[in-house]
Amino acid sequence: DLEEALLTDGGTEGRLLQELIVRLLEGCLPNESRNDISTFNYQMFLRRLFRKKCQ
């Protein structure tokens, strides 16, 4: 449920949540990927992380 909520975020406080997710992802991903994450593309990185963790 949490994963789905994060991936489909679009609420009124969405910008703050997006920034939080970006910062959390930066801490979870390798150094070479960290600079590529933004509020515009974080969902792609989040999906990749979930897929990797579920395998």
N, C-alpha and C. Protein backbone atom coordinates (compact mmCIF):
# COMPACT_ATOMS: atom_id res chain seq x y z
N ASP A 1 0.81 -1.19 0.00
CA ASP A 1 0.00 0.00 0.00
C ASP A 1 0.86 1.26 0.00
N LEU A 2 1.92 1.25 0.80
CA LEU A 2 2.81 2.41 0.84
C LEU A 2 3.48 2.61 -0.52
N GLU A 3 3.96 1.52 -1.12
CA GLU A 3 4.60 1.63 -2.42
C GLU A 3 3.65 2.22 -3.45
N GLU A 4 2.42 1.76 -3.47
CA GLU A 4 1.43 2.27 -4.41
C GLU A 4 1.15 3.75 -4.17
N ALA A 5 1.03 4.14 -2.92
CA ALA A 5 0.77 5.54 -2.59
C ALA A 5 1.92 6.43 -3.04
N LEU A 6 3.14 5.97 -2.86
CA LEU A 6 4.30 6.77 -3.28
C LEU A 6 4.37 6.90 -4.79
N LEU A 7 4.05 5.82 -5.50
CA LEU A 7 4.13 5.84 -6.96
C LEU A 7 3.01 6.64 -7.60
N THR A 8 1.88 6.77 -6.94
CA THR A 8 0.74 7.47 -7.53
C THR A 8 0.48 8.80 -6.85
N ASP A 9 1.46 9.35 -6.17
CA ASP A 9 1.29 10.62 -5.45
C ASP A 9 0.85 11.73 -6.39
N GLY A 10 -0.13 12.48 -5.99
CA GLY A 10 -0.57 13.62 -6.76
C GLY A 10 -1.39 14.57 -5.90
N GLY A 11 -1.27 14.45 -4.62
CA GLY A 11 -2.05 15.26 -3.68
C GLY A 11 -1.60 16.70 -3.63
N THR A 12 -2.22 17.46 -2.76
CA THR A 12 -1.93 18.88 -2.65
C THR A 12 -0.55 19.16 -2.08
N GLU A 13 -0.09 18.29 -1.18
CA GLU A 13 1.25 18.49 -0.65
C GLU A 13 2.25 17.62 -1.41
N GLY A 14 1.94 17.34 -2.66
CA GLY A 14 2.76 16.47 -3.49
C GLY A 14 4.19 16.93 -3.67
N ARG A 15 4.40 18.22 -3.78
CA ARG A 15 5.75 18.74 -4.01
C ARG A 15 6.68 18.40 -2.85
N LEU A 16 6.21 18.56 -1.65
CA LEU A 16 7.01 18.23 -0.47
C LEU A 16 7.32 16.75 -0.43
N LEU A 17 6.31 15.93 -0.70
CA LEU A 17 6.51 14.49 -0.72
C LEU A 17 7.48 14.08 -1.82
N GLN A 18 7.38 14.72 -2.97
CA GLN A 18 8.31 14.43 -4.07
C GLN A 18 9.74 14.74 -3.66
N GLU A 19 9.96 15.88 -3.04
CA GLU A 19 11.30 16.25 -2.58
C GLU A 19 11.83 15.26 -1.56
N LEU A 20 10.97 14.82 -0.66
CA LEU A 20 11.36 13.84 0.35
C LEU A 20 11.76 12.52 -0.32
N ILE A 21 10.98 12.07 -1.27
CA ILE A 21 11.28 10.82 -1.97
C ILE A 21 12.60 10.93 -2.72
N VAL A 22 12.83 12.06 -3.37
CA VAL A 22 14.10 12.27 -4.09
C VAL A 22 15.27 12.16 -3.13
N ARG A 23 15.18 12.80 -1.98
CA ARG A 23 16.28 12.76 -1.00
C ARG A 23 16.50 11.35 -0.47
N LEU A 24 15.41 10.64 -0.21
CA LEU A 24 15.54 9.26 0.26
C LEU A 24 16.17 8.36 -0.81
N LEU A 25 15.76 8.54 -2.04
CA LEU A 25 16.33 7.75 -3.13
C LEU A 25 17.82 8.03 -3.30
N GLU A 26 18.20 9.28 -3.15
CA GLU A 26 19.61 9.63 -3.27
C GLU A 26 20.46 8.86 -2.26
N GLY A 27 19.90 8.58 -1.11
CA GLY A 27 20.61 7.81 -0.09
C GLY A 27 20.61 6.32 -0.34
N CYS A 28 19.72 5.84 -1.20
CA CYS A 28 19.59 4.40 -1.46
C CYS A 28 20.29 3.94 -2.72
N LEU A 29 20.61 4.86 -3.60
CA LEU A 29 21.14 4.48 -4.91
C LEU A 29 22.65 4.73 -5.00
N PRO A 30 23.29 4.06 -5.95
CA PRO A 30 24.74 4.25 -6.14
C PRO A 30 25.07 5.69 -6.50
N ASN A 31 26.29 6.08 -6.21
CA ASN A 31 26.73 7.46 -6.44
C ASN A 31 26.50 7.94 -7.86
N GLU A 32 26.71 7.07 -8.86
CA GLU A 32 26.58 7.50 -10.25
C GLU A 32 25.14 7.82 -10.64
N SER A 33 24.17 7.35 -9.89
CA SER A 33 22.76 7.61 -10.19
C SER A 33 22.20 8.78 -9.41
N ARG A 34 22.81 9.14 -8.33
CA ARG A 34 22.25 10.15 -7.41
C ARG A 34 22.00 11.49 -8.08
N ASN A 35 22.92 11.94 -8.90
CA ASN A 35 22.78 13.26 -9.51
C ASN A 35 21.72 13.30 -10.60
N ASP A 36 21.26 12.14 -11.05
CA ASP A 36 20.27 12.07 -12.12
C ASP A 36 18.84 12.17 -11.61
N ILE A 37 18.62 12.01 -10.32
CA ILE A 37 17.28 11.97 -9.76
C ILE A 37 16.74 13.38 -9.56
N SER A 38 15.50 13.59 -9.98
CA SER A 38 14.83 14.87 -9.76
C SER A 38 13.35 14.61 -9.46
N THR A 39 12.63 15.67 -9.16
CA THR A 39 11.20 15.51 -8.90
C THR A 39 10.44 15.17 -10.18
N PHE A 40 11.07 15.32 -11.33
CA PHE A 40 10.42 15.00 -12.60
C PHE A 40 10.57 13.54 -12.98
N ASN A 41 11.61 12.87 -12.49
CA ASN A 41 11.85 11.48 -12.92
C ASN A 41 12.02 10.50 -11.76
N TYR A 42 11.73 10.92 -10.55
CA TYR A 42 11.97 10.05 -9.39
C TYR A 42 11.18 8.76 -9.44
N GLN A 43 10.00 8.76 -10.07
CA GLN A 43 9.18 7.55 -10.10
C GLN A 43 9.88 6.41 -10.83
N MET A 44 10.62 6.74 -11.88
CA MET A 44 11.37 5.72 -12.61
C MET A 44 12.40 5.06 -11.68
N PHE A 45 13.13 5.87 -10.93
CA PHE A 45 14.14 5.35 -10.00
C PHE A 45 13.48 4.57 -8.86
N LEU A 46 12.34 5.04 -8.40
CA LEU A 46 11.61 4.37 -7.33
C LEU A 46 11.13 2.99 -7.79
N ARG A 47 10.60 2.92 -8.99
CA ARG A 47 10.17 1.62 -9.54
C ARG A 47 11.35 0.66 -9.65
N ARG A 48 12.46 1.16 -10.15
CA ARG A 48 13.66 0.31 -10.28
C ARG A 48 14.10 -0.22 -8.92
N LEU A 49 14.09 0.64 -7.92
CA LEU A 49 14.50 0.23 -6.57
C LEU A 49 13.56 -0.83 -6.03
N PHE A 50 12.25 -0.64 -6.19
CA PHE A 50 11.28 -1.63 -5.71
C PHE A 50 11.46 -2.97 -6.42
N ARG A 51 11.68 -2.92 -7.74
CA ARG A 51 11.89 -4.17 -8.49
C ARG A 51 13.14 -4.89 -8.00
N LYS A 52 14.20 -4.13 -7.79
CA LYS A 52 15.46 -4.72 -7.34
C LYS A 52 15.31 -5.34 -5.95
N LYS A 53 14.62 -4.65 -5.05
CA LYS A 53 14.44 -5.14 -3.68
C LYS A 53 13.52 -6.35 -3.62
N CYS A 54 12.60 -6.46 -4.57
CA CYS A 54 11.63 -7.57 -4.56
C CYS A 54 12.18 -8.83 -5.22
N GLN A 55 13.29 -8.74 -5.90
CA GLN A 55 13.84 -9.91 -6.60
C GLN A 55 14.61 -10.80 -5.68
